[in-house]
């Protein structure tokens, strides 16, 4: 008898600890539809069933046809796959969570992107090779300035916003001269500190969008469009 895979309905929450507790209680994979894409999510991976930062970023980006895209901290791959659907020609997805790498690999195969996409285990940009360049870098940054105890918490917690600092500082090396980095963040993190990090990185803010919360007590989300000049 074949086990039935659960299909999850998306909902919003602003309580990160409750979200993590719920995700840890999920011992089986589940599918969730995001932007018309059925994504497979493994236990131990931040699920777009409860995380909605990607929606804000997708609503404000511009992906040129044929673009090369880097999805930094890919999770189940939602941002990178949405970029391919928007016309990107090539995707490299990176994550430090082995379960996220496996989930993205499964989704690459399920969605038919094996000829356009690859996923690598990576600490920020560590898996990239010299000479690789991208037109777009996508980063749904961890919001909360807290120490992560495991791989699942790394998707939410970034003590001192050190990971975000590394992502911003290193972007200039991996972006094409006319490349763009999109970052989505939240007022549940230190927005002022992030603005300082952007300034210190040498990237320029070309646009910024603010999204009011759609639920009581929800996040204010910020999407930055950054360029190297």
Foldseek 3Di string as FASTA:
>chain_A
DDDDAAEAAADEDADVVVLVVVLQVPQAWHWYADPNATFIAHRLFDDNSYDDLLVVLLVPDQADAQWEEEEWQQGLNVNVVVSVVNHHQAYEYEHQDVRSQVRVVVSCVVVVNPVHYHYDYDLGCRPDDPPAAGQEYEEAAAEAQDDDPDRSCNRHYDNVCPSVLCNLLCNVRHYDQNHKYKYKYWPNHDVVVSVVSNVVSQKDFPDKDWDDDPDVPHTTMMMTITHND
